[in-house]
Structures are given as structure tokens and as C-alpha cells.
Amino acid sequence: MNSFFTPNVSFLVAFLAGLFSFISPCVFPLIPSYLSYISGLSMDELIKENPGAKFTAVKHSIMFIIGFTLIFVLLGVFSGAVGNLLHSLWLLRIAGIFIVIMGLFILGAFNKIKFLSFMNRDAAVNLKNKPLGLMGSALVGIFFAAAWTPCIGPILASILFIASTLHNFSAGAELLFVYAMGLAVPFFISSMSINYFLTAFKKIKPFIKIISVINGIILIAVGIMIFFNYLSVISLYFGNTFHYNIPYNG
């Protein structure tokens, strides 16, 4: 099994998928609301960025991240375990086709299909009273992971299908952990400086649709590679290249 220290195309895809999920139209605009909700601070307090408010926002964001990471890792464990039971070349074929379909969905190919419209809804949850304390923020992270699932469904489902092709529950957990970090890193940076996020938001907002198109194209490419089992071949190639180019200091 590949470790985190071996270049792995699947891990790169998972991390980028996490970043694309963060920048998705139904998550990105709501980040300030998430930060305000979990920290209990108003937007004015967050914008002023005094040391006390910043520390509060950061510690609650860490617990929020732990909450949603836990859910995604458990999904990875389940997906990897199912893949292990269905160890078959046909699983690669099914996963590849499904991921291509999800890429087409992101590109808008199925916008007219009404029963799929739930996958485009905002990732908002109406929780009037957040549980108190840091553990409350972790619980909100768990609840929000469930709320995000329909919104980022095409991306998350694609990563789960990739996890299933690894045929190992621990590898699936690692892959979904990397995916969660793709979401967590920009969220954590935003908690450290909401002003930085707002500046970045103004610059990125006009390009969100373009980013979604790029995301869809990447998923289609990944789906095709998985269908023909090229993803593992590329991972093996980079792994061997990395291995042979590291000087041995025995």
C-alpha cells in the first residue's frame, strides 16, 4: 500500500477535489457564515481580527474541521471495505463510468433532470442553537458534512468510487482524509484571517463557474483513466521515479 510519502496520483486528485469542493458555488459564499456560526462571533468582530477573536475563530475552526474530517474518513473506510469485497476489474469499469457521469453533471449536462437538482442546492443548515463549547463546533462539523454531501455530491461520490478501487479500508480512509484536508486547509486559513478570505472571494467569485468547468473536465479525465486502469499505472510510474531518484544515505 502506498504511504503518504510516496507520490500518489489518487492523493493528488483527492486533495484537488477537496479544494474544488471548497470553491464550489454552494460552499464558498457561505464560509463567512460558517465561521461566524461556529465561533459565536459577529462578522464585525471577525473583520476586526483582534488577537482574542482570531484565537477563538481558529480553535473553533479546528474542531469544526475535526468533525467533518471524521465523517469523510468513515465514508472512506466504508467505501474501501466495499471495494475489497468486490475486488474486480468490473469495479474499475463502473467507477470510471460513474466518475465520467459526475464530471458531465458538473459541466451541466444533466441540468434539466429535475430529480438531480438536489445536488446543486446550497450547503446551508438551519441550526438555531449551536451546542456550547469546542465539542459543539465538532458536532456542527459532523452535521455540516452531512449537509455538504448533496451539494458536493458529484465530487465526493467520485472520490469515494476511487477509494473503492483501492480495495482496502485503510487506503480508503487515507484518501478521504486527504480529500478532507483539501477542504480544511483553505477553511483554516480563512479562520486565521477573514479579511484575507473576503479579498480572495472578490477575486475568485467571477471565476467560480470556470473553476467548476475545470473540475468537471478533470473528473472526466480521471474517470477515463480509472476505466482503463491508467490511474494506478501513473501512480506506480511516479512512485518508481521518486524511489529511484532519492539518494540512499545508508
Protein backbone atom coordinates (compact mmCIF):
# COMPACT_ATOMS: atom_id res chain seq x y z
CA MET A 1 0.00 0.00 0.00
CA ASN A 2 1.30 3.47 -0.85
CA SER A 3 2.26 5.71 2.05
CA PHE A 4 1.79 9.44 2.34
CA PHE A 5 5.47 9.82 1.47
CA THR A 6 5.10 8.14 -1.92
CA PRO A 7 3.77 10.37 -4.70
CA ASN A 8 0.31 9.06 -5.46
CA VAL A 9 -1.89 10.46 -8.20
CA SER A 10 -5.01 9.39 -6.31
CA PHE A 11 -3.99 11.52 -3.32
CA LEU A 12 -3.30 14.49 -5.57
CA VAL A 13 -6.71 14.11 -7.20
CA ALA A 14 -8.35 13.81 -3.77
CA PHE A 15 -6.69 16.96 -2.42
CA LEU A 16 -7.60 18.95 -5.53
CA ALA A 17 -11.15 17.61 -5.25
CA GLY A 18 -11.27 18.96 -1.70
CA LEU A 19 -10.12 22.38 -2.91
CA PHE A 20 -12.70 22.35 -5.70
CA SER A 21 -15.37 21.39 -3.15
CA PHE A 22 -14.37 24.39 -1.03
CA ILE A 23 -14.62 26.73 -4.03
CA SER A 24 -17.91 25.23 -5.23
CA PRO A 25 -20.76 27.75 -5.70
CA CYS A 26 -22.79 26.23 -2.86
CA VAL A 27 -20.00 26.22 -0.25
CA PHE A 28 -17.60 29.09 -0.97
CA PRO A 29 -20.02 32.02 -0.48
CA LEU A 30 -21.18 30.62 2.87
CA ILE A 31 -17.76 30.31 4.53
CA PRO A 32 -18.07 33.60 6.49
CA SER A 33 -21.44 32.42 7.83
CA TYR A 34 -19.91 29.11 8.91
CA LEU A 35 -17.06 30.89 10.71
CA SER A 36 -19.43 33.28 12.45
CA TYR A 37 -21.76 30.47 13.48
CA ILE A 38 -19.17 28.09 14.95
CA SER A 39 -17.14 30.82 16.69
CA GLY A 40 -20.13 32.75 18.04
CA LEU A 41 -18.55 35.96 16.74
CA SER A 42 -20.25 38.56 14.58
CA MET A 43 -18.84 39.45 11.18
CA ASP A 44 -17.72 42.81 12.61
CA GLU A 45 -15.73 41.02 15.31
CA LEU A 46 -14.18 38.67 12.76
CA ILE A 47 -13.23 41.51 10.43
CA LYS A 48 -11.54 43.50 13.21
CA GLU A 49 -9.29 40.48 13.79
CA ASN A 50 -8.17 41.31 17.30
CA PRO A 51 -5.99 38.56 18.86
CA GLY A 52 -8.76 37.26 21.12
CA ALA A 53 -11.31 36.97 18.32
CA LYS A 54 -8.76 35.39 15.98
CA PHE A 55 -7.81 32.76 18.56
CA THR A 56 -11.49 31.96 19.17
CA ALA A 57 -12.17 31.59 15.44
CA VAL A 58 -9.09 29.40 14.90
CA LYS A 59 -9.73 26.96 17.77
CA HIS A 60 -13.39 26.53 16.83
CA SER A 61 -12.48 26.05 13.16
CA ILE A 62 -10.04 23.27 14.15
CA MET A 63 -12.81 21.44 15.99
CA PHE A 64 -15.19 22.03 13.06
CA ILE A 65 -12.55 20.54 10.72
CA ILE A 66 -12.11 17.53 13.01
CA GLY A 67 -15.88 16.97 12.88
CA PHE A 68 -16.27 16.91 9.10
CA THR A 69 -12.97 15.05 8.61
CA LEU A 70 -14.25 12.26 10.86
CA ILE A 71 -17.34 11.79 8.68
CA PHE A 72 -15.39 11.78 5.42
CA VAL A 73 -12.80 9.32 6.77
CA LEU A 74 -15.58 6.97 7.91
CA LEU A 75 -17.08 7.17 4.43
CA GLY A 76 -13.64 6.32 3.05
CA VAL A 77 -13.37 3.30 5.35
CA PHE A 78 -16.77 2.06 4.20
CA SER A 79 -16.02 2.64 0.51
CA GLY A 80 -12.62 0.93 0.72
CA ALA A 81 -14.14 -2.02 2.58
CA VAL A 82 -16.88 -2.43 -0.04
CA GLY A 83 -14.24 -2.26 -2.76
CA ASN A 84 -12.31 -5.01 -1.01
CA LEU A 85 -15.38 -7.26 -1.07
CA LEU A 86 -15.99 -6.50 -4.75
CA HIS A 87 -12.39 -6.86 -5.88
CA SER A 88 -12.98 -6.99 -9.60
CA LEU A 89 -11.95 -5.36 -12.85
CA TRP A 90 -15.61 -4.52 -13.32
CA LEU A 91 -15.42 -2.24 -10.28
CA LEU A 92 -12.86 -0.13 -12.16
CA ARG A 93 -15.17 0.00 -15.16
CA ILE A 94 -18.20 1.00 -13.06
CA ALA A 95 -16.20 3.56 -11.07
CA GLY A 96 -14.77 5.07 -14.26
CA ILE A 97 -18.18 5.39 -15.90
CA PHE A 98 -19.73 6.86 -12.75
CA ILE A 99 -16.96 9.47 -12.36
CA VAL A 100 -17.30 10.49 -16.02
CA ILE A 101 -21.05 10.92 -15.46
CA MET A 102 -20.35 13.08 -12.38
CA GLY A 103 -17.95 15.18 -14.43
CA LEU A 104 -20.64 15.68 -17.05
CA PHE A 105 -23.10 16.59 -14.29
CA ILE A 106 -20.77 19.34 -13.05
CA LEU A 107 -20.49 20.60 -16.64
CA GLY A 108 -24.28 20.95 -16.69
CA ALA A 109 -25.12 18.04 -18.97
CA PHE A 110 -27.99 16.92 -16.72
CA ASN A 111 -29.34 20.27 -15.54
CA LYS A 112 -32.78 19.53 -16.99
CA ILE A 113 -33.19 16.35 -14.93
CA LYS A 114 -35.30 17.56 -12.00
CA PHE A 115 -34.67 14.72 -9.54
CA LEU A 116 -30.94 15.55 -9.61
CA SER A 117 -31.48 19.21 -8.72
CA PHE A 118 -30.90 18.49 -5.00
CA MET A 119 -27.18 18.09 -5.77
CA ASN A 120 -26.99 21.79 -6.66
CA ARG A 121 -28.59 23.21 -3.54
CA ASP A 122 -26.76 25.41 -1.06
CA ALA A 123 -24.97 23.65 1.78
CA ALA A 124 -26.93 25.53 4.43
CA VAL A 125 -28.27 24.00 7.61
CA ASN A 126 -30.82 25.70 9.81
CA LEU A 127 -29.44 25.09 13.30
CA LYS A 128 -30.79 27.75 15.61
CA ASN A 129 -28.75 26.84 18.67
CA LYS A 130 -25.20 25.55 18.38
CA PRO A 131 -24.10 23.22 21.19
CA LEU A 132 -21.80 25.09 23.57
CA GLY A 133 -18.04 24.85 23.62
CA LEU A 134 -15.42 23.34 21.35
CA MET A 135 -17.18 19.98 21.25
CA GLY A 136 -20.20 21.84 19.94
CA SER A 137 -18.13 23.05 16.98
CA ALA A 138 -17.01 19.47 16.31
CA LEU A 139 -20.65 18.33 16.33
CA VAL A 140 -21.55 21.12 13.92
CA GLY A 141 -18.71 19.90 11.67
CA ILE A 142 -20.33 16.47 11.67
CA PHE A 143 -23.76 17.92 10.85
CA PHE A 144 -22.37 20.18 8.14
CA ALA A 145 -20.55 17.27 6.50
CA ALA A 146 -23.96 15.65 6.07
CA ALA A 147 -25.35 18.95 4.71
CA TRP A 148 -22.46 19.35 2.28
CA THR A 149 -22.88 15.85 0.90
CA PRO A 150 -25.71 16.67 -1.58
CA CYS A 151 -24.03 19.94 -2.59
CA ILE A 152 -20.60 18.45 -3.29
CA GLY A 153 -22.12 15.09 -4.20
CA PRO A 154 -20.56 14.65 -7.66
CA ILE A 155 -17.06 15.39 -6.35
CA LEU A 156 -17.39 13.41 -3.11
CA ALA A 157 -19.02 10.43 -4.82
CA SER A 158 -16.19 10.37 -7.36
CA ILE A 159 -13.56 10.29 -4.62
CA LEU A 160 -15.48 7.53 -2.82
CA PHE A 161 -15.52 5.48 -6.00
CA ILE A 162 -11.76 5.99 -6.35
CA ALA A 163 -11.44 4.83 -2.72
CA SER A 164 -13.40 1.69 -3.58
CA THR A 165 -10.91 0.83 -6.33
CA LEU A 166 -8.10 0.79 -3.75
CA HIS A 167 -9.67 -2.40 -2.29
CA ASN A 168 -8.55 -1.56 1.23
CA PHE A 169 -10.43 0.20 4.03
CA SER A 170 -7.30 1.91 5.42
CA ALA A 171 -6.33 3.18 1.96
CA GLY A 172 -9.88 4.47 1.56
CA ALA A 173 -9.58 6.25 4.91
CA GLU A 174 -6.27 7.84 3.85
CA LEU A 175 -7.73 9.01 0.54
CA LEU A 176 -10.77 10.63 2.18
CA PHE A 177 -8.52 12.19 4.83
CA VAL A 178 -6.56 13.86 2.03
CA TYR A 179 -9.85 14.98 0.47
CA ALA A 180 -10.93 16.46 3.81
CA MET A 181 -7.62 18.32 4.04
CA GLY A 182 -8.34 19.89 0.66
CA LEU A 183 -11.41 21.41 2.31
CA ALA A 184 -9.75 22.01 5.66
CA VAL A 185 -6.64 23.94 4.62
CA PRO A 186 -8.44 26.89 2.96
CA PHE A 187 -11.09 26.86 5.70
CA PHE A 188 -8.40 27.06 8.38
CA ILE A 189 -6.62 29.88 6.53
CA SER A 190 -9.95 31.72 6.32
CA SER A 191 -10.42 31.37 10.09
CA MET A 192 -7.00 32.95 10.65
CA SER A 193 -7.93 35.97 8.54
CA ILE A 194 -11.48 36.55 7.38
CA ASN A 195 -10.28 39.70 5.63
CA TYR A 196 -7.90 37.58 3.55
CA PHE A 197 -10.81 35.31 2.66
CA LEU A 198 -13.05 38.24 1.68
CA THR A 199 -10.29 39.64 -0.54
CA ALA A 200 -9.75 36.24 -2.15
CA PHE A 201 -13.51 35.80 -2.53
CA LYS A 202 -13.83 39.02 -4.55
CA LYS A 203 -11.04 37.87 -6.87
CA ILE A 204 -12.24 34.27 -7.26
CA LYS A 205 -16.01 34.85 -7.43
CA PRO A 206 -16.08 35.84 -11.15
CA PHE A 207 -14.23 32.62 -12.00
CA ILE A 208 -16.25 30.13 -9.92
CA LYS A 209 -18.11 28.83 -12.99
CA ILE A 210 -14.84 28.44 -14.89
CA ILE A 211 -13.36 26.57 -11.91
CA SER A 212 -16.40 24.27 -11.90
CA VAL A 213 -15.87 23.54 -15.60
CA ILE A 214 -12.20 22.71 -14.96
CA ASN A 215 -13.30 20.47 -12.11
CA GLY A 216 -15.76 18.65 -14.38
CA ILE A 217 -13.12 18.14 -17.07
CA ILE A 218 -10.64 16.77 -14.51
CA LEU A 219 -13.25 14.31 -13.20
CA ILE A 220 -13.99 13.12 -16.74
CA ALA A 221 -10.26 12.61 -17.37
CA VAL A 222 -9.84 10.76 -14.07
CA GLY A 223 -12.89 8.60 -14.84
CA ILE A 224 -11.43 7.61 -18.20
CA MET A 225 -8.06 6.80 -16.58
CA ILE A 226 -9.75 4.65 -13.94
CA PHE A 227 -11.85 2.85 -16.55
CA PHE A 228 -8.70 1.80 -18.40
CA ASN A 229 -6.73 1.33 -15.13
CA TYR A 230 -4.30 4.10 -16.11
CA LEU A 231 -4.53 5.90 -12.76
CA SER A 232 -2.75 3.11 -10.89
CA VAL A 233 -0.19 2.83 -13.71
CA ILE A 234 0.60 6.56 -13.45
CA SER A 235 0.82 6.31 -9.65
CA LEU A 236 3.22 3.37 -10.00
CA TYR A 237 5.33 5.29 -12.51
CA PHE A 238 5.66 8.33 -10.24
CA GLY A 239 6.31 6.08 -7.27
CA ASN A 240 9.16 4.32 -9.08
CA THR A 241 10.56 7.63 -10.34
CA PHE A 242 10.51 9.03 -6.81
CA HIS A 243 12.10 5.87 -5.41
CA TYR A 244 14.99 5.75 -7.86
CA ASN A 245 15.80 9.43 -7.59
CA ILE A 246 16.20 9.58 -3.80
CA PRO A 247 19.87 9.26 -2.78
CA TYR A 248 20.39 6.46 -0.33
CA ASN A 249 22.12 7.50 2.89
CA GLY A 250 22.59 4.12 4.48
